Amino acid sequence: MKVDLTKPLTLENKQIKVGEKAPDFCLARLEGFEIIDTSLSDFEGKIKVLSCYPSIDTGVCDMQTKNFYKKYNNNEKIALLNISADLLFALNRWCGANEVTNATMLSDYRTHKFAKDYGINILGADIIYRSIFIIDENNVIRYSQLAKQLSSELDFEDVDKALKLVL
């Protein structure tokens, strides 16, 4: 199968909608030399901002991660979850290169179930489509946004407005 990432893409399954219960997930994160399973319930009682992107090694993904990290990472009410299908070593390398010590970098590389359940898995490529979800303390989807194209930036101002309404 050939997937041209510059053409319109097909996403696997339907995207979850605002007002729906957020599907639980099991994503991997790296702590030292341990791979640790991480789920939605690990962030109970917090507003979750799921910043999803194709690969930390692209300019737009790098900028998205830095932007949201700077804005939201130190807010105690928010759990900022950076999610891709990158290998954990790439995520760790990015954190080291950017002197980021406390970001939650998660990967769906093992099963791609997260991306499929949230409707953002690119069919045939198993890459996460650029998107963001805001999930409230009761695990209900309160906001979602898909980028216009895979390489397009998200509308950061719209995300800020939506998050203020949830806070």
Foldseek 3Di string as FASTA:
>chain_A
DDDDQVDDFAWADDADDFQAFQDKDWWWADDPHDTDTDIPCVLAQAKEKEFEAFDCPDDQNVVSVVVCCVVPVPDPRYQYEYEWQDDNVRVVVSCVVVVNDDHHYTHPVPPLVNQNSRRQQGPPPRTGAGKIFIAANRRGTHDIDGAPGSPHHTPVVVVVVSVVVRD
